[in-house]
């Protein structure tokens, strides 16, 4: 659960309230409570530099801070999180050091299409890029620029189709983005290679680059998402691009992301993660341990047997076809049957897990509320569910 990972309940205010204005009110109130928003209020009160422009502070215990994303950059491990923290490990996670980052806003996800070229996204609409395996980063995009790009795209669409109601609605929403400033986070990303990639986020934000992040285009108008629902996850399999998010949102592209169609799912709650198996099956995982599997690219779905009713937070697929899932209570689950069932293999690794990636055969790197942790699947005995729904 990326935008509200520090929210302790199973349902965030964005799932409770409906309507764009009500959801914005919920966001504004919740930001007062979220640690990630405190730097903004402190900066406003003291007149110091905006966190977007203030470099991340080097801290001794960066590997124990709240981390939200993890990736491999060749043999290097990279994790990102609160206050612009980016940490690197060249010894399979035994030791970590902090990288130089030009912003101190919260980072939510990271990806490396090559060992040297990588991108990270986060709050305030920030997109960061590295060309040296994560040692140093530059800012390629922020919320103010993104809002202006969305407005220009909406204006062009409205001018070309003056009687289109959807275009008018998109224009009004884009103007609201500009008026509200750089307060909307990107929550996930995918780069096909070192040139082409997408970033997605709150209120249906989606942007694409084809030149390694030198320029970006708003992709919002290509989505069937009139409510501006949050997009929490993006995954790609061949020519198919899948987006999942708030209130059962599931969008599919069959042309490498040039156009998207809305797909109806059996679940009206929020999806936070998409797992794709090498054989083509997909699993959408979301609130309260709800997960749904499709073997036909989303044409039909079946409910997955999940042993714990805790909201999912992330997923990853290993080369051998095993899919791994994490949840907000720090559990790790796996599936060996293309998503038909899940087994609980590691219980309560930490208070909450937010991302997971493979380090080497049988060893995983997970990050979350207490920093980094390594999990060995080969030595993890299956956990047992109690009648109360907890695990031991």
Protein backbone atom coordinates (compact mmCIF):
# COMPACT_ATOMS: atom_id res chain seq x y z
CA UNK A 1 0.00 0.00 0.00
CA UNK A 2 2.14 2.82 -1.23
CA UNK A 3 0.47 6.20 -0.86
CA UNK A 4 -0.71 5.38 2.67
CA UNK A 5 1.81 2.83 3.89
CA UNK A 6 1.95 4.40 7.31
CA UNK A 7 -1.84 4.24 7.70
CA UNK A 8 -2.42 1.54 10.29
CA UNK A 9 -5.93 0.45 9.29
CA UNK A 10 -6.93 -1.99 6.60
CA UNK A 11 -8.79 0.66 4.62
CA UNK A 12 -7.45 4.13 3.92
CA UNK A 13 -9.70 7.20 3.76
CA UNK A 14 -9.36 7.15 -0.02
CA UNK A 15 -11.30 3.91 -0.14
CA UNK A 16 -13.96 5.11 2.31
CA UNK A 17 -14.83 8.43 0.67
CA UNK A 18 -16.00 8.72 -2.89
CA UNK A 19 -15.74 11.61 -5.31
CA UNK A 20 -12.72 13.65 -6.28
CA UNK A 21 -13.30 16.52 -3.85
CA UNK A 22 -14.03 14.23 -0.88
CA UNK A 23 -10.92 12.21 -1.64
CA UNK A 24 -8.82 15.36 -1.79
CA UNK A 25 -10.16 16.43 1.61
CA UNK A 26 -9.23 13.01 2.99
CA UNK A 27 -5.72 13.35 1.56
CA UNK A 28 -5.23 16.79 3.04
CA UNK A 29 -6.31 15.67 6.49
CA UNK A 30 -4.24 12.51 6.38
CA UNK A 31 -1.08 14.35 5.34
CA UNK A 32 -1.12 16.12 8.68
CA UNK A 33 -0.74 12.72 10.34
CA UNK A 34 1.77 11.19 7.95
CA UNK A 35 5.43 11.52 8.86
CA UNK A 36 6.30 11.95 5.22
CA UNK A 37 4.33 15.21 5.14
CA UNK A 38 5.96 16.77 8.21
CA UNK A 39 8.94 18.21 6.27
CA UNK A 40 6.49 20.21 4.14
CA UNK A 41 4.79 21.80 7.14
CA UNK A 42 8.11 22.43 8.87
CA UNK A 43 9.53 24.08 5.77
CA UNK A 44 6.49 26.31 5.41
CA UNK A 45 6.71 27.41 9.06
CA UNK A 46 10.43 28.07 9.16
CA UNK A 47 11.01 29.40 5.68
CA UNK A 48 13.69 26.78 4.94
CA UNK A 49 14.09 25.15 1.53
CA UNK A 50 11.27 23.03 0.16
CA UNK A 51 12.02 19.30 0.70
CA UNK A 52 11.76 18.93 -3.07
CA UNK A 53 14.81 21.16 -3.42
CA UNK A 54 16.69 20.13 -0.27
CA UNK A 55 19.23 17.27 -0.65
CA UNK A 56 18.65 14.15 1.41
CA UNK A 57 20.49 14.27 4.73
CA UNK A 58 23.18 11.62 5.17
CA UNK A 59 22.29 9.52 8.21
CA UNK A 60 24.21 6.78 9.98
CA UNK A 61 21.24 4.41 10.22
CA UNK A 62 19.75 4.85 6.75
CA UNK A 63 19.30 1.08 6.36
CA UNK A 64 16.98 1.11 9.38
CA UNK A 65 14.73 3.90 8.11
CA UNK A 66 11.30 3.44 6.56
CA UNK A 67 11.96 2.06 3.05
CA UNK A 68 9.37 1.61 0.32
CA UNK A 69 11.14 0.31 -2.78
CA UNK A 70 13.91 -2.12 -3.68
CA UNK A 71 15.60 -3.28 -6.87
CA UNK A 72 18.73 -4.93 -8.26
CA UNK A 73 21.21 -2.98 -10.38
CA UNK A 74 23.34 -5.78 -11.77
CA UNK A 75 24.98 -7.27 -8.66
CA UNK A 76 24.12 -4.19 -6.57
CA UNK A 77 21.07 -3.85 -4.33
CA UNK A 78 19.28 -0.50 -4.15
CA UNK A 79 16.52 0.55 -1.74
CA UNK A 80 14.65 3.86 -1.40
CA UNK A 81 12.40 5.43 1.20
CA UNK A 82 11.63 8.28 3.53
CA UNK A 83 13.27 11.72 3.32
CA UNK A 84 14.85 10.95 -0.04
CA UNK A 85 16.98 8.11 1.31
CA UNK A 86 18.65 5.84 -1.25
CA UNK A 87 20.92 3.08 0.04
CA UNK A 88 23.26 0.75 -1.85
CA UNK A 89 24.81 -2.63 -1.10
CA UNK A 90 27.55 -4.40 -3.06
CA UNK A 91 27.80 -7.42 -0.75
CA UNK A 92 24.30 -8.93 -1.08
CA UNK A 93 22.85 -6.76 1.67
CA UNK A 94 25.41 -7.36 4.41
CA UNK A 95 26.40 -3.70 4.54
CA UNK A 96 24.78 -0.56 3.15
CA UNK A 97 25.86 2.99 2.31
CA UNK A 98 23.77 6.03 1.46
CA UNK A 99 23.80 7.64 -1.98
CA UNK A 100 23.74 11.33 -2.85
CA UNK A 101 20.18 12.45 -3.66
CA UNK A 102 19.09 16.02 -4.57
CA UNK A 103 15.73 15.86 -2.80
CA UNK A 104 14.41 14.88 0.63
CA UNK A 105 10.85 13.96 -0.32
CA UNK A 106 9.68 10.41 0.32
CA UNK A 107 10.61 7.92 -2.42
CA UNK A 108 8.17 5.11 -3.17
CA UNK A 109 9.65 2.87 -5.89
CA UNK A 110 12.85 2.22 -7.84
CA UNK A 111 13.81 0.25 -10.96
CA UNK A 112 16.98 -0.44 -12.98
CA UNK A 113 16.54 -1.62 -16.58
CA UNK A 114 20.36 -1.86 -16.78
CA UNK A 115 23.03 -2.08 -14.06
CA UNK A 116 23.91 1.60 -14.51
CA UNK A 117 20.67 3.29 -15.60
CA UNK A 118 17.96 3.55 -12.97
CA UNK A 119 14.93 5.60 -11.95
CA UNK A 120 13.15 6.30 -8.67
CA UNK A 121 9.80 8.01 -8.05
CA UNK A 122 8.13 9.52 -5.03
CA UNK A 123 6.15 12.27 -3.37
CA UNK A 124 5.78 15.77 -4.85
CA UNK A 125 5.69 14.13 -8.28
CA UNK A 126 9.43 13.56 -8.25
CA UNK A 127 11.25 11.37 -10.78
CA UNK A 128 14.97 10.79 -10.17
CA UNK A 129 17.53 9.28 -12.55
CA UNK A 130 20.96 7.76 -12.09
CA UNK A 131 23.58 6.83 -14.67
CA UNK A 132 26.11 5.32 -12.28
CA UNK A 133 24.23 2.46 -10.63
CA UNK A 134 22.65 4.64 -7.96
CA UNK A 135 25.72 6.47 -6.62
CA UNK A 136 24.36 9.87 -7.66
CA UNK A 137 20.93 11.05 -8.82
CA UNK A 138 19.41 13.97 -10.72
CA UNK A 139 15.81 15.19 -10.78
CA UNK A 140 14.10 14.77 -14.14
CA UNK A 141 10.50 15.59 -13.23
CA UNK A 142 8.51 17.04 -10.35
CA UNK A 143 4.87 17.69 -9.55
CA UNK A 144 4.79 21.26 -10.82
CA UNK A 145 6.22 20.33 -14.20
CA UNK A 146 4.03 17.22 -14.39
CA UNK A 147 0.89 19.25 -13.66
CA UNK A 148 1.75 21.74 -16.39
CA UNK A 149 2.35 18.91 -18.88
CA UNK A 150 -1.01 17.37 -17.95
CA UNK A 151 -2.72 20.74 -18.42
CA UNK A 152 -1.16 21.29 -21.84
CA UNK A 153 -2.20 17.81 -22.97
CA UNK A 154 -5.75 18.36 -21.71
CA UNK A 155 -5.96 21.76 -23.41
CA UNK A 156 -4.90 20.24 -26.72
CA UNK A 157 -7.45 17.45 -26.39
CA UNK A 158 -10.25 19.89 -25.48
CA UNK A 159 -9.37 22.12 -28.45
CA UNK A 160 -9.48 19.17 -30.83
CA UNK A 161 -12.76 17.85 -29.39
CA UNK A 162 -14.65 20.85 -27.95
CA UNK A 163 -17.87 18.89 -27.36
CA UNK A 164 -16.26 15.91 -25.65
CA UNK A 165 -17.46 15.71 -22.02
CA UNK A 166 -14.55 13.48 -21.00
CA UNK A 167 -12.12 16.02 -22.44
CA UNK A 168 -13.73 18.87 -20.51
CA UNK A 169 -13.56 16.83 -17.32
CA UNK A 170 -9.90 16.04 -17.93
CA UNK A 171 -9.18 19.73 -18.54
CA UNK A 172 -10.84 20.74 -15.25
CA UNK A 173 -8.90 18.08 -13.38
CA UNK A 174 -5.63 19.14 -14.98
CA UNK A 175 -6.22 22.76 -14.00
CA UNK A 176 -6.84 21.58 -10.44
CA UNK A 177 -3.49 19.76 -10.50
CA UNK A 178 -1.76 23.03 -11.40
CA UNK A 179 -3.65 25.01 -8.76
CA UNK A 180 -2.87 22.53 -6.00
CA UNK A 181 0.87 22.41 -6.67
CA UNK A 182 3.38 19.56 -6.40
CA UNK A 183 1.67 17.50 -3.71
CA UNK A 184 0.77 14.32 -5.59
CA UNK A 185 3.05 11.28 -5.47
CA UNK A 186 4.14 8.85 -8.11
CA UNK A 187 3.73 5.34 -6.73
CA UNK A 188 5.25 2.94 -9.26
CA UNK A 189 7.21 2.82 -12.51
CA UNK A 190 8.33 0.56 -15.32
CA UNK A 191 11.19 1.04 -17.77
CA UNK A 192 11.36 -1.27 -20.75
CA UNK A 193 14.94 -0.19 -21.40
CA UNK A 194 17.17 2.82 -20.74
CA UNK A 195 15.02 5.01 -23.01
CA UNK A 196 11.35 4.05 -22.69
CA UNK A 197 9.38 4.04 -19.46
CA UNK A 198 6.21 4.91 -17.57
CA UNK A 199 5.55 6.41 -14.14
CA UNK A 200 2.14 6.19 -12.44
CA UNK A 201 0.59 7.53 -9.27
CA UNK A 202 -2.15 9.21 -7.29
CA UNK A 203 -5.30 10.58 -8.94
CA UNK A 204 -4.65 8.58 -12.10
CA UNK A 205 -1.33 10.23 -12.93
CA UNK A 206 0.60 8.56 -15.75
CA UNK A 207 3.53 9.91 -17.75
CA UNK A 208 5.71 8.38 -20.44
CA UNK A 209 9.22 9.06 -21.70
CA UNK A 210 10.87 7.73 -24.84
CA UNK A 211 14.22 9.47 -24.46
CA UNK A 212 15.48 8.35 -21.07
CA UNK A 213 13.58 10.99 -19.12
CA UNK A 214 14.79 14.06 -21.01
CA UNK A 215 11.17 14.78 -21.92
CA UNK A 216 7.87 13.45 -20.59
CA UNK A 217 4.33 13.27 -21.96
CA UNK A 218 1.10 13.07 -19.99
CA UNK A 219 -0.65 9.74 -20.60
CA UNK A 220 -3.70 10.52 -18.44
CA UNK A 221 -5.94 11.09 -21.45
CA UNK A 222 -5.28 7.55 -22.70
CA UNK A 223 -6.74 5.92 -19.59
CA UNK A 224 -10.37 4.99 -18.97
CA UNK A 225 -10.23 6.40 -15.45
CA UNK A 226 -12.74 9.27 -15.26
CA UNK A 227 -12.74 9.31 -11.45
CA UNK A 228 -9.00 9.85 -11.33
CA UNK A 229 -8.50 6.78 -9.15
CA UNK A 230 -5.06 6.13 -7.69
CA UNK A 231 -2.81 3.82 -9.71
CA UNK A 232 -0.68 1.74 -7.35
CA UNK A 233 1.02 -0.76 -9.66
CA UNK A 234 2.23 -1.17 -13.23
CA UNK A 235 3.49 -4.44 -14.71
CA UNK A 236 4.45 -5.45 -18.24
CA UNK A 237 4.41 -8.79 -20.07
CA UNK A 238 5.39 -8.60 -23.73
CA UNK A 239 3.07 -6.15 -25.48
CA UNK A 240 0.68 -6.15 -22.53
CA UNK A 241 0.81 -3.38 -19.93
CA UNK A 242 -1.33 -3.72 -16.79
CA UNK A 243 -2.32 -1.02 -14.29
CA UNK A 244 -4.05 -1.68 -10.96
CA UNK A 245 -5.35 0.63 -8.29
CA UNK A 246 -8.09 2.09 -6.19
CA UNK A 247 -11.67 0.74 -6.03
CA UNK A 248 -10.97 -2.28 -8.23
CA UNK A 249 -9.27 -0.27 -10.97
CA UNK A 250 -7.69 -2.54 -13.58
CA UNK A 251 -6.53 -1.24 -16.96
CA UNK A 252 -4.99 -3.26 -19.78
CA UNK A 253 -3.01 -2.31 -22.86
CA UNK A 254 -2.24 -4.78 -25.64
CA UNK A 255 -0.15 -2.35 -27.70
CA UNK A 256 2.80 -1.63 -25.39
CA UNK A 257 0.96 1.10 -23.52
CA UNK A 258 -0.24 3.26 -26.40
CA UNK A 259 -3.88 2.78 -25.40
CA UNK A 260 -5.65 1.32 -22.37
CA UNK A 261 -9.07 -0.19 -21.76
CA UNK A 262 -10.88 -0.66 -18.45
CA UNK A 263 -11.36 -4.27 -17.37
CA UNK A 264 -14.05 -5.22 -14.87
CA UNK A 265 -12.90 -7.40 -11.97
CA UNK A 266 -14.95 -9.30 -9.34
CA UNK A 267 -13.57 -7.09 -6.57
CA UNK A 268 -14.50 -3.47 -5.82
CA UNK A 269 -11.77 -2.92 -3.25
CA UNK A 270 -8.31 -1.54 -3.95
CA UNK A 271 -5.53 -3.51 -5.62
CA UNK A 272 -1.98 -2.67 -4.56
CA UNK A 273 0.05 -5.20 -6.52
CA UNK A 274 0.20 -7.18 -9.77
CA UNK A 275 2.12 -10.44 -10.11
CA UNK A 276 2.79 -11.87 -13.57
CA UNK A 277 3.88 -15.48 -14.06
CA UNK A 278 6.21 -16.55 -16.91
CA UNK A 279 3.35 -18.58 -18.38
CA UNK A 280 1.17 -15.46 -18.63
CA UNK A 281 -1.13 -15.73 -15.62
CA UNK A 282 -1.66 -12.57 -13.58
CA UNK A 283 -2.68 -12.08 -9.95
CA UNK A 284 -4.16 -8.84 -8.61
CA UNK A 285 -3.60 -8.52 -4.86
CA UNK A 286 -5.20 -5.93 -2.59
CA UNK A 287 -7.06 -5.04 0.57
CA UNK A 288 -7.75 -7.55 3.36
CA UNK A 289 -5.91 -10.38 1.62
CA UNK A 290 -8.12 -10.35 -1.46
CA UNK A 291 -6.42 -11.68 -4.58
CA UNK A 292 -7.78 -12.62 -7.99
CA UNK A 293 -6.16 -14.67 -10.76
CA UNK A 294 -6.61 -14.51 -14.52
CA UNK A 295 -5.20 -16.94 -17.06
CA UNK A 296 -6.60 -15.06 -20.09
CA UNK A 297 -5.18 -11.54 -19.74
CA UNK A 298 -8.04 -10.32 -17.59
CA UNK A 299 -11.02 -11.68 -19.54
CA UNK A 300 -12.03 -13.87 -16.58
CA UNK A 301 -10.97 -14.02 -12.94
CA UNK A 302 -11.06 -16.55 -10.11
CA UNK A 303 -10.48 -15.88 -6.41
CA UNK A 304 -7.15 -17.01 -4.98
CA UNK A 305 -7.00 -19.05 -1.79
CA UNK A 306 -5.07 -16.80 0.65
CA UNK A 307 -4.33 -18.01 4.22
CA UNK A 308 -4.34 -14.57 5.91
CA UNK A 309 -6.78 -11.70 5.57
CA UNK A 310 -4.21 -8.91 5.64
CA UNK A 311 -3.82 -6.26 2.94
CA UNK A 312 -1.13 -7.02 0.39
CA UNK A 313 1.65 -4.51 -0.21
CA UNK A 314 3.97 -5.88 -2.93
CA UNK A 315 4.85 -8.86 -5.10
CA UNK A 316 7.70 -10.25 -7.17
CA UNK A 317 8.14 -13.20 -9.55
CA UNK A 318 11.29 -15.33 -9.43
CA UNK A 319 12.95 -16.86 -12.52
CA UNK A 320 11.67 -20.34 -11.57
CA UNK A 321 8.06 -19.10 -11.75
CA UNK A 322 7.50 -18.72 -8.01
CA UNK A 323 5.51 -15.63 -7.09
CA UNK A 324 6.14 -13.88 -3.78
CA UNK A 325 3.75 -11.58 -1.96
CA UNK A 326 4.15 -9.35 1.10
CA UNK A 327 1.54 -7.75 3.31
CA UNK A 328 1.13 -4.97 5.84
CA UNK A 329 1.83 -7.24 8.81
CA UNK A 330 5.23 -8.30 7.52
CA UNK A 331 4.24 -11.74 6.21
CA UNK A 332 5.72 -13.33 3.08
CA UNK A 333 3.58 -15.65 0.98
CA UNK A 334 4.47 -17.64 -2.11
CA UNK A 335 2.67 -19.39 -4.95
CA UNK A 336 4.05 -22.32 -6.95
CA UNK A 337 0.92 -23.02 -9.01
CA UNK A 338 0.58 -19.92 -11.19
CA UNK A 339 -1.37 -18.09 -8.52
CA UNK A 340 -4.11 -20.59 -7.78
CA UNK A 341 -3.09 -20.80 -4.12
CA UNK A 342 -0.69 -19.08 -1.72
CA UNK A 343 1.26 -20.45 1.22
CA UNK A 344 2.51 -18.44 4.18
CA UNK A 345 6.26 -19.10 4.40
CA UNK A 346 7.52 -16.30 6.63
CA UNK A 347 5.43 -14.69 9.37
CA UNK A 348 5.87 -11.20 10.78
CA UNK A 349 9.32 -10.45 9.39
CA UNK A 350 8.83 -6.87 10.57
CA UNK A 351 5.83 -4.69 11.33
CA UNK A 352 5.17 -4.04 7.64
CA UNK A 353 6.82 -5.04 4.38
CA UNK A 354 6.59 -2.74 1.38
CA UNK A 355 8.79 -4.31 -1.33
CA UNK A 356 10.63 -7.54 -2.05
CA UNK A 357 13.25 -8.65 -4.55
CA UNK A 358 15.53 -11.66 -5.08
CA UNK A 359 19.16 -11.38 -3.93
CA UNK A 360 20.31 -14.84 -4.97
CA UNK A 361 18.82 -18.33 -5.15
CA UNK A 362 16.55 -18.82 -2.16
CA UNK A 363 17.44 -15.49 -0.54
CA UNK A 364 15.24 -12.40 -0.71
CA UNK A 365 15.67 -8.77 0.21
CA UNK A 366 12.58 -7.24 1.80
CA UNK A 367 12.19 -3.64 2.93
CA UNK A 368 9.62 -1.91 5.07
CA UNK A 369 8.90 -0.02 8.25
CA UNK A 370 12.13 -1.08 9.96
CA UNK A 371 14.53 -0.91 7.03
CA UNK A 372 16.01 -3.94 5.29
CA UNK A 373 15.78 -7.65 6.07
CA UNK A 374 16.99 -10.78 4.30
CA UNK A 375 14.70 -13.80 4.12
CA UNK A 376 15.84 -17.31 3.22
CA UNK A 377 13.06 -19.28 1.58
CA UNK A 378 14.96 -22.55 1.85
CA UNK A 379 15.10 -22.32 5.65
CA UNK A 380 11.69 -20.73 6.20
CA UNK A 381 9.29 -23.25 7.66
CA UNK A 382 5.65 -22.78 6.62
CA UNK A 383 3.84 -20.61 9.16
CA UNK A 384 0.62 -21.73 10.84
CA UNK A 385 -2.57 -19.72 10.90
CA UNK A 386 -4.45 -19.58 14.20
CA UNK A 387 -8.23 -19.38 14.55
CA UNK A 388 -7.96 -15.65 15.27
CA UNK A 389 -6.26 -15.12 11.92
CA UNK A 390 -2.81 -14.38 13.35
CA UNK A 391 0.22 -16.47 12.54
CA UNK A 392 2.86 -18.27 14.56
